Amino acid sequence: MEMLTLQSFEQASEKVREVTLETKLVYSDYWSRSTGCRVYLKPENMQFTGAYKVRGAYYKMSTLSDEDRAKGIITASAGNHAQGVAYAAACYKVPATIVMPTSTPLIKVNRTKSYGAKVVLHGDVYDDACEKAYELAEKEGYTFVHPFDDPAVATGQGTIAMEIFKELPLVDYILVPIGGGGLAAGVSTLAKLLNPKIKVIGVEPSGAACMKASIEAGKVVTLDSAQTIADGTAVKTPGETIFPYIKENIDDIITVEDSDLIVAFLDMVENHKMVVENSGLLTVAALKQLQLKDKKVVCILSGGNMDVITMSSVVQQGLIMRDRIFTVSVLLPDRPGELSRVASVIAQENGNVIKLEHNQFVSTNRNAAVELRITLEAFGTDHKQQILGRLEKDGFRPKIVRTSV
């Protein structure tokens, strides 16, 4: 059957129900207030495998012949497609080998193994892993399942659009993350089939904007590197097969800086109590660039597979960027009572001290000055400036230093 047609999308929608959870739209009061639109989240991070990728993997598996399945399946993935294929292979009782970049978060590696797949770690980014997977497929005779450049996989991913329209028939905009382009091709193609007037916006990390570069060049191009904290979309070369669907159906592509993803993670946790990985946050991080009013907007949250160490680092950096944690240096005479005096000033301004560092060797004359570095918790930028102003007023001459917590 020809893929990316209304008939194939309907067939795929029925099929993926066998393995997907119902991820109903979540209205975001927080992002609606900040944008002036009605913003809804499509929480694919809540899928059983932690991402939307199980849709395309399972549908692709259903279209393979018994002979192709019997050969064993191999794929390359930065994590979410790996879990989708491993899970789908387990459902069909098919052996699966997954090649993953060495930089893949441990949680994704372990979960892929937990579904019974064999994991091979190779290369720095997805493209390196993919090259290795093709090599193993040829050597061992495995059936290769591409994570995005496959019409059947893209059709499975596009079933997300079917669910969005069923819940929100009058949706105006859909924002979709782009790595290699399979999700964007599927969602945008089906969305345009259902409503040609809808706008579908692709979102890429600035450090790995391979699709935007390809659209501008009019052909698929390969980036020199793919450097981004959004590991699930760190792709240097987009899909050749699905590229024409992107060109025809994606209305625009927005790029997002890593710093915006860090802040978006903090906003998501605090306002929606959801863990969404950096690639999944691309769509909400892009909202401020759209300048829309009174539109119904759906942001696809593509996944939530994030290891705890990365999570901790992102939260800390987000707090620093929001001026809720900062470090200030003050010089004090080395005599009793000075530390108490500084602490009193901070307490009066409702600052919360997290860490103190006392350096007696900043000057050869300790009586003249010792350095005190204070890491503080504040309510935000205004409160931070209030504390600094008070310290300045009381003669401490505070200097902001790079925060390390």
Protein backbone atom coordinates (compact mmCIF):
# COMPACT_ATOMS: atom_id res chain seq x y z
CA MET A 1 0.00 0.00 0.00
CA GLU A 2 1.22 3.51 -0.81
CA MET A 3 2.11 5.28 2.40
CA LEU A 4 1.26 8.75 3.69
CA THR A 5 -2.25 8.57 2.25
CA LEU A 6 -5.45 9.06 4.23
CA GLN A 7 -6.18 5.34 3.91
CA SER A 8 -2.77 4.32 5.25
CA PHE A 9 -3.04 6.80 8.13
CA GLU A 10 -6.44 5.38 9.09
CA GLN A 11 -5.03 1.85 8.97
CA ALA A 12 -2.04 2.89 11.06
CA SER A 13 -4.27 4.62 13.61
CA GLU A 14 -6.17 1.40 14.19
CA LYS A 15 -2.96 -0.61 14.43
CA VAL A 16 -1.04 1.59 16.88
CA ARG A 17 -3.93 1.53 19.34
CA GLU A 18 -2.75 -1.98 20.19
CA VAL A 19 0.38 -0.61 21.86
CA THR A 20 -0.15 3.09 22.62
CA LEU A 21 -1.62 4.82 25.62
CA GLU A 22 -4.24 7.53 25.18
CA THR A 23 -2.33 10.81 25.45
CA LYS A 24 -5.16 13.32 25.65
CA LEU A 25 -4.44 16.99 25.05
CA VAL A 26 -3.50 18.99 28.13
CA TYR A 27 -4.57 22.63 28.18
CA SER A 28 -1.67 24.82 29.32
CA ASP A 29 -2.84 27.79 31.31
CA TYR A 30 0.79 28.87 31.76
CA TRP A 31 1.74 29.01 28.07
CA SER A 32 -1.70 30.28 27.07
CA ARG A 33 -1.30 33.30 29.36
CA SER A 34 2.23 33.99 28.12
CA THR A 35 1.28 33.79 24.42
CA GLY A 36 -2.29 35.08 24.22
CA CYS A 37 -3.33 31.83 22.51
CA ARG A 38 -5.06 28.67 23.63
CA VAL A 39 -2.09 26.33 23.96
CA TYR A 40 -2.54 22.57 24.28
CA LEU A 41 0.14 19.96 24.92
CA LYS A 42 0.14 16.55 23.24
CA PRO A 43 2.02 14.57 25.97
CA GLU A 44 3.70 11.74 24.07
CA ASN A 45 6.21 11.69 26.92
CA MET A 46 3.51 9.73 28.75
CA GLN A 47 3.60 6.79 26.31
CA PHE A 48 4.56 3.40 27.72
CA THR A 49 8.01 3.63 26.12
CA GLY A 50 8.31 7.29 27.09
CA ALA A 51 7.99 8.64 23.53
CA TYR A 52 5.93 8.69 20.33
CA LYS A 53 8.41 6.47 18.48
CA VAL A 54 6.57 3.27 19.36
CA ARG A 55 3.87 4.33 16.86
CA GLY A 56 6.09 4.25 13.78
CA ALA A 57 8.08 1.23 14.95
CA TYR A 58 5.03 -0.91 15.64
CA TYR A 59 3.25 0.07 12.43
CA LYS A 60 6.40 -0.62 10.40
CA MET A 61 6.73 -4.02 12.08
CA SER A 62 3.14 -4.85 11.10
CA THR A 63 3.91 -4.17 7.43
CA LEU A 64 6.97 -6.46 7.26
CA SER A 65 6.74 -9.93 5.80
CA ASP A 66 7.32 -13.00 7.97
CA GLU A 67 10.55 -13.54 6.04
CA ASP A 68 11.87 -10.05 6.86
CA ARG A 69 10.97 -10.44 10.52
CA ALA A 70 12.67 -13.81 10.69
CA LYS A 71 15.97 -12.23 9.63
CA GLY A 72 15.97 -10.13 12.78
CA ILE A 73 15.57 -6.37 12.99
CA ILE A 74 18.30 -3.76 13.26
CA THR A 75 18.09 0.00 13.61
CA ALA A 76 20.06 3.02 14.79
CA SER A 77 18.71 5.49 17.30
CA ALA A 78 19.64 8.14 19.86
CA GLY A 79 17.18 6.44 22.20
CA ASN A 80 13.45 6.78 21.66
CA HIS A 81 13.21 4.93 18.34
CA ALA A 82 15.43 2.28 19.90
CA GLN A 83 12.88 1.66 22.63
CA GLY A 84 10.02 1.75 20.15
CA VAL A 85 11.64 -0.85 17.90
CA ALA A 86 12.72 -3.00 20.83
CA TYR A 87 9.19 -2.98 22.23
CA ALA A 88 7.58 -3.63 18.83
CA ALA A 89 10.04 -6.47 18.15
CA ALA A 90 9.19 -8.02 21.51
CA CYS A 91 5.48 -7.86 20.65
CA TYR A 92 6.15 -9.73 17.40
CA LYS A 93 8.74 -12.02 19.07
CA VAL A 94 11.43 -10.82 16.68
CA PRO A 95 15.12 -10.47 17.70
CA ALA A 96 16.29 -6.85 17.56
CA THR A 97 19.72 -5.18 17.51
CA ILE A 98 19.93 -1.46 18.21
CA VAL A 99 22.98 0.69 17.48
CA MET A 100 23.08 3.79 19.67
CA PRO A 101 25.56 6.71 19.94
CA THR A 102 27.96 6.44 22.86
CA SER A 103 26.51 9.71 24.20
CA THR A 104 23.03 8.19 24.64
CA PRO A 105 21.68 8.73 28.19
CA LEU A 106 21.96 5.59 30.31
CA ILE A 107 18.21 5.46 30.97
CA LYS A 108 17.54 5.03 27.24
CA VAL A 109 20.18 2.32 26.88
CA ASN A 110 18.90 0.35 29.86
CA ARG A 111 15.26 0.61 28.85
CA THR A 112 16.07 -0.55 25.34
CA LYS A 113 17.83 -3.59 26.80
CA SER A 114 14.89 -4.20 29.14
CA TYR A 115 12.65 -4.93 26.13
CA GLY A 116 15.01 -7.71 25.09
CA ALA A 117 17.03 -5.95 22.40
CA LYS A 118 20.79 -6.23 21.94
CA VAL A 119 22.44 -2.79 22.17
CA VAL A 120 25.62 -1.78 20.33
CA LEU A 121 27.15 1.59 21.28
CA HIS A 122 28.97 3.31 18.43
CA GLY A 123 29.91 6.85 17.39
CA ASP A 124 29.25 10.30 18.81
CA VAL A 125 25.90 11.11 17.13
CA TYR A 126 23.01 9.32 15.44
CA ASP A 127 24.59 9.50 11.97
CA ASP A 128 27.64 7.52 13.16
CA ALA A 129 25.40 4.88 14.73
CA CYS A 130 23.31 4.65 11.56
CA GLU A 131 26.37 3.97 9.43
CA LYS A 132 27.34 1.14 11.78
CA ALA A 133 23.81 -0.29 11.70
CA TYR A 134 23.84 -0.44 7.89
CA GLU A 135 27.21 -2.22 8.06
CA LEU A 136 25.86 -4.83 10.50
CA ALA A 137 22.65 -5.27 8.47
CA GLU A 138 24.67 -6.14 5.38
CA LYS A 139 27.05 -8.38 7.27
CA GLU A 140 24.43 -10.30 9.31
CA GLY A 141 21.46 -10.13 6.92
CA TYR A 142 19.25 -8.18 9.33
CA THR A 143 16.21 -6.21 8.17
CA PHE A 144 16.97 -2.52 8.64
CA VAL A 145 14.22 -0.28 10.09
CA HIS A 146 15.08 3.36 9.56
CA PRO A 147 14.10 5.66 12.46
CA PHE A 148 12.68 8.40 10.23
CA ASP A 149 13.40 8.02 6.51
CA ASP A 150 10.75 5.39 5.91
CA PRO A 151 7.18 6.08 4.70
CA ALA A 152 5.67 3.38 6.92
CA VAL A 153 7.44 4.73 10.01
CA ALA A 154 6.37 8.29 9.14
CA THR A 155 2.79 7.07 8.66
CA GLY A 156 2.80 5.53 12.11
CA GLN A 157 4.13 8.74 13.65
CA GLY A 158 1.48 10.75 11.81
CA THR A 159 -1.29 9.05 13.78
CA ILE A 160 -0.64 11.74 16.41
CA ALA A 161 -2.35 14.24 14.09
CA MET A 162 -5.42 12.01 13.83
CA GLU A 163 -5.78 12.07 17.62
CA ILE A 164 -5.26 15.84 17.78
CA PHE A 165 -8.04 16.47 15.27
CA LYS A 166 -10.44 14.17 17.08
CA GLU A 167 -10.02 16.18 20.28
CA LEU A 168 -9.54 19.63 18.76
CA PRO A 169 -11.08 19.73 15.27
CA LEU A 170 -10.57 23.48 14.88
CA VAL A 171 -6.87 23.51 15.76
CA ASP A 172 -5.05 26.37 13.97
CA TYR A 173 -1.39 25.47 14.52
CA ILE A 174 0.53 22.28 15.29
CA LEU A 175 4.14 22.57 16.42
CA VAL A 176 6.24 19.46 15.84
CA PRO A 177 9.89 18.69 16.71
CA ILE A 178 12.22 17.80 13.84
CA GLY A 179 15.26 15.56 14.05
CA GLY A 180 15.43 13.51 10.88
CA GLY A 181 11.91 14.45 9.84
CA GLY A 182 9.76 11.32 10.19
CA LEU A 183 7.43 12.74 12.82
CA ALA A 184 7.13 16.07 11.01
CA ALA A 185 6.46 14.39 7.66
CA GLY A 186 3.73 12.18 9.07
CA VAL A 187 2.01 14.80 11.21
CA SER A 188 2.14 17.59 8.62
CA THR A 189 0.96 15.37 5.75
CA LEU A 190 -2.05 14.02 7.63
CA ALA A 191 -2.86 17.45 9.09
CA LYS A 192 -2.98 18.98 5.60
CA LEU A 193 -5.12 16.09 4.34
CA LEU A 194 -7.61 16.75 7.14
CA ASN A 195 -7.46 20.55 6.90
CA PRO A 196 -5.44 22.22 4.12
CA LYS A 197 -5.66 25.57 5.94
CA ILE A 198 -3.90 24.41 9.10
CA LYS A 199 -0.38 25.64 9.80
CA VAL A 200 2.24 23.07 10.81
CA ILE A 201 5.49 24.49 12.19
CA GLY A 202 8.61 22.39 12.55
CA VAL A 203 11.05 23.12 15.37
CA GLU A 204 14.74 22.19 15.41
CA PRO A 205 17.61 22.81 17.85
CA SER A 206 19.86 25.59 16.55
CA GLY A 207 22.91 23.35 16.85
CA ALA A 208 21.43 20.63 14.63
CA ALA A 209 19.09 22.39 12.19
CA CYS A 210 19.63 19.98 9.30
CA MET A 211 16.08 20.25 7.93
CA LYS A 212 16.08 24.05 7.87
CA ALA A 213 19.42 24.00 6.03
CA SER A 214 18.03 21.47 3.56
CA ILE A 215 14.85 23.45 2.91
CA GLU A 216 16.91 26.58 2.27
CA ALA A 217 19.20 24.63 -0.10
CA GLY A 218 16.27 22.97 -1.85
CA LYS A 219 17.81 19.55 -1.31
CA VAL A 220 18.98 17.31 1.53
CA VAL A 221 22.25 18.54 2.97
CA THR A 222 24.53 17.21 5.70
CA LEU A 223 25.69 19.43 8.56
CA ASP A 224 29.31 19.35 9.71
CA SER A 225 28.17 18.65 13.26
CA ALA A 226 25.09 18.26 15.44
CA GLN A 227 25.81 19.87 18.81
CA THR A 228 22.80 20.24 21.09
CA ILE A 229 21.47 19.10 24.46
CA ALA A 230 18.41 17.88 22.55
CA ASP A 231 20.02 14.49 21.88
CA GLY A 232 16.88 12.99 20.33
CA THR A 233 17.04 15.54 17.49
CA ALA A 234 20.84 15.66 17.09
CA VAL A 235 20.81 14.63 13.42
CA LYS A 236 23.23 15.85 10.73
CA THR A 237 21.35 14.56 7.67
CA PRO A 238 17.53 14.53 7.35
CA GLY A 239 15.61 11.83 5.52
CA GLU A 240 15.84 11.80 1.72
CA THR A 241 12.62 9.85 1.18
CA ILE A 242 10.44 11.96 3.47
CA PHE A 243 12.02 15.30 2.45
CA PRO A 244 9.44 16.03 -0.30
CA TYR A 245 6.61 15.66 2.27
CA ILE A 246 8.34 18.17 4.55
CA LYS A 247 8.81 20.64 1.69
CA GLU A 248 5.16 20.39 0.72
CA ASN A 249 3.46 20.34 4.10
CA ILE A 250 5.61 22.15 6.69
CA ASP A 251 4.79 25.86 6.66
CA ASP A 252 7.88 27.07 8.50
CA ILE A 253 10.81 25.84 10.58
CA ILE A 254 11.86 27.57 13.80
CA THR A 255 15.19 26.97 15.51
CA VAL A 256 15.62 27.02 19.29
CA GLU A 257 18.76 27.64 21.36
CA ASP A 258 19.76 25.16 24.05
CA SER A 259 19.39 27.90 26.68
CA ASP A 260 15.68 28.19 25.84
CA LEU A 261 15.25 24.44 26.31
CA ILE A 262 16.77 24.65 29.78
CA VAL A 263 14.29 27.30 30.86
CA ALA A 264 11.42 25.41 29.20
CA PHE A 265 12.28 22.31 31.25
CA LEU A 266 11.97 24.30 34.46
CA ASP A 267 8.67 25.82 33.30
CA MET A 268 7.28 22.39 32.37
CA VAL A 269 8.20 20.81 35.71
CA GLU A 270 6.89 23.68 37.79
CA ASN A 271 3.70 24.39 35.87
CA HIS A 272 2.69 20.95 34.57
CA LYS A 273 4.59 18.55 36.84
CA MET A 274 5.82 16.67 33.78
CA VAL A 275 9.31 15.47 32.85
CA VAL A 276 9.87 16.18 29.15
CA GLU A 277 13.23 15.59 27.50
CA ASN A 278 14.99 18.43 25.72
CA SER A 279 13.90 17.38 22.22
CA GLY A 280 10.31 17.21 23.42
CA LEU A 281 10.54 20.76 24.74
CA LEU A 282 11.42 22.27 21.37
CA THR A 283 7.80 23.08 20.60
CA VAL A 284 6.99 24.97 23.80
CA ALA A 285 10.35 26.76 23.69
CA ALA A 286 9.44 27.98 20.18
CA LEU A 287 6.11 29.53 21.23
CA LYS A 288 7.56 32.96 22.01
CA GLN A 289 8.88 33.22 18.44
CA LEU A 290 5.47 32.79 16.81
CA GLN A 291 3.86 36.09 17.86
CA LEU A 292 0.34 34.66 17.57
CA LYS A 293 -2.87 35.81 19.27
CA ASP A 294 -6.19 34.04 19.79
CA LYS A 295 -5.15 30.85 17.99
CA LYS A 296 -5.58 27.23 19.02
CA VAL A 297 -2.05 25.82 19.15
CA VAL A 298 -0.95 22.24 19.88
CA CYS A 299 2.63 21.55 20.94
CA ILE A 300 3.73 17.95 20.52
CA LEU A 301 5.87 16.84 23.46
CA SER A 302 7.71 14.03 21.72
CA GLY A 303 9.30 12.24 24.67
CA GLY A 304 10.26 12.17 28.32
CA ASN A 305 13.24 9.82 28.51
CA MET A 306 15.74 11.86 30.50
CA ASP A 307 18.34 10.51 32.90
CA VAL A 308 18.41 11.89 36.43
CA ILE A 309 21.90 13.39 36.17
CA THR A 310 20.96 15.39 33.07
CA MET A 311 17.71 16.39 34.75
CA SER A 312 19.55 17.69 37.80
CA SER A 313 21.97 19.70 35.67
CA VAL A 314 19.19 21.24 33.58
CA VAL A 315 17.19 22.24 36.68
CA GLN A 316 20.23 23.92 38.23
CA GLN A 317 21.06 25.79 35.04
CA GLY A 318 17.43 26.83 34.66
CA LEU A 319 17.37 28.28 38.18
CA ILE A 320 20.57 30.21 37.45
CA MET A 321 19.21 31.57 34.16
CA ARG A 322 16.03 32.71 35.90
CA ASP A 323 18.10 34.54 38.57
CA ARG A 324 16.70 32.26 41.24
CA ILE A 325 20.21 31.15 42.17
CA PHE A 326 23.21 33.46 42.01
CA THR A 327 26.63 33.90 43.61
CA VAL A 328 27.95 37.20 44.91
CA SER A 329 31.45 38.08 46.10
CA VAL A 330 32.10 40.66 48.85
CA LEU A 331 35.39 41.77 50.45
CA LEU A 332 35.40 42.04 54.25
CA PRO A 333 37.89 43.02 56.92
CA ASP A 334 39.08 39.85 58.69
CA ARG A 335 37.56 40.56 62.07
CA PRO A 336 34.80 39.05 64.23
CA GLY A 337 31.22 39.99 63.41
CA GLU A 338 31.63 40.81 59.69
CA LEU A 339 30.09 37.55 58.48
CA SER A 340 27.17 38.03 60.85
CA ARG A 341 26.64 41.55 59.49
CA VAL A 342 26.43 40.31 55.89
CA ALA A 343 24.10 37.46 56.87
CA SER A 344 21.83 39.91 58.67
CA VAL A 345 21.51 42.14 55.60
CA ILE A 346 20.67 39.14 53.38
CA ALA A 347 18.12 37.84 55.90
CA GLN A 348 16.40 41.22 56.07
CA GLU A 349 15.92 41.09 52.28
CA ASN A 350 14.56 37.49 52.46
CA GLY A 351 17.51 35.97 50.62
CA ASN A 352 18.25 32.32 51.33
CA VAL A 353 21.92 31.35 51.66
CA ILE A 354 22.74 28.02 49.95
CA LYS A 355 26.53 28.00 50.21
CA LEU A 356 29.38 30.06 51.72
CA GLU A 357 33.04 30.13 50.66
CA HIS A 358 35.55 32.06 52.79
CA ASN A 359 38.91 32.88 51.14
CA GLN A 360 41.48 34.41 53.52
CA PHE A 361 44.19 34.49 50.86
CA VAL A 362 42.63 36.96 48.42
CA SER A 363 45.02 39.61 49.79
CA THR A 364 48.39 39.55 51.56
CA ASN A 365 46.86 41.92 54.10
CA ARG A 366 44.11 39.91 55.76
CA ASN A 367 43.13 42.85 57.94
CA ALA A 368 42.37 44.82 54.79
CA ALA A 369 40.23 42.18 53.10
CA VAL A 370 39.13 38.57 52.90
CA GLU A 371 36.72 37.33 50.24
CA LEU A 372 33.33 35.88 51.02
CA ARG A 373 31.43 34.15 48.20
CA ILE A 374 27.77 33.64 48.93
CA THR A 375 25.45 31.51 46.79
CA LEU A 376 21.88 32.66 47.27
CA GLU A 377 18.38 31.61 46.35
CA ALA A 378 16.04 34.41 45.24
CA PHE A 379 12.52 34.70 43.84
CA GLY A 380 13.78 36.02 40.50
CA THR A 381 15.52 38.97 38.84
CA ASP A 382 13.75 41.73 40.80
CA HIS A 383 14.48 40.06 44.13
CA LYS A 384 18.10 39.45 43.12
CA GLN A 385 18.54 43.15 42.31
CA GLN A 386 16.88 44.09 45.61
CA ILE A 387 19.43 42.01 47.56
CA LEU A 388 22.37 43.40 45.58
CA GLY A 389 21.10 46.94 46.07
CA ARG A 390 20.89 46.48 49.82
CA LEU A 391 24.41 45.02 49.99
CA GLU A 392 25.69 47.98 47.97
CA LYS A 393 23.85 50.45 50.19
CA ASP A 394 25.44 48.92 53.30
CA GLY A 395 28.92 49.30 51.84
CA PHE A 396 29.74 45.72 50.82
CA ARG A 397 30.37 46.45 47.10
CA PRO A 398 29.02 43.08 45.83
CA LYS A 399 30.27 41.54 42.59
CA ILE A 400 28.37 38.82 40.73
CA VAL A 401 30.46 35.74 39.93
CA ARG A 402 29.68 32.70 37.83
CA THR A 403 27.37 30.46 39.85
CA SER A 404 28.40 26.91 40.65
CA VAL A 405 26.05 24.84 42.82
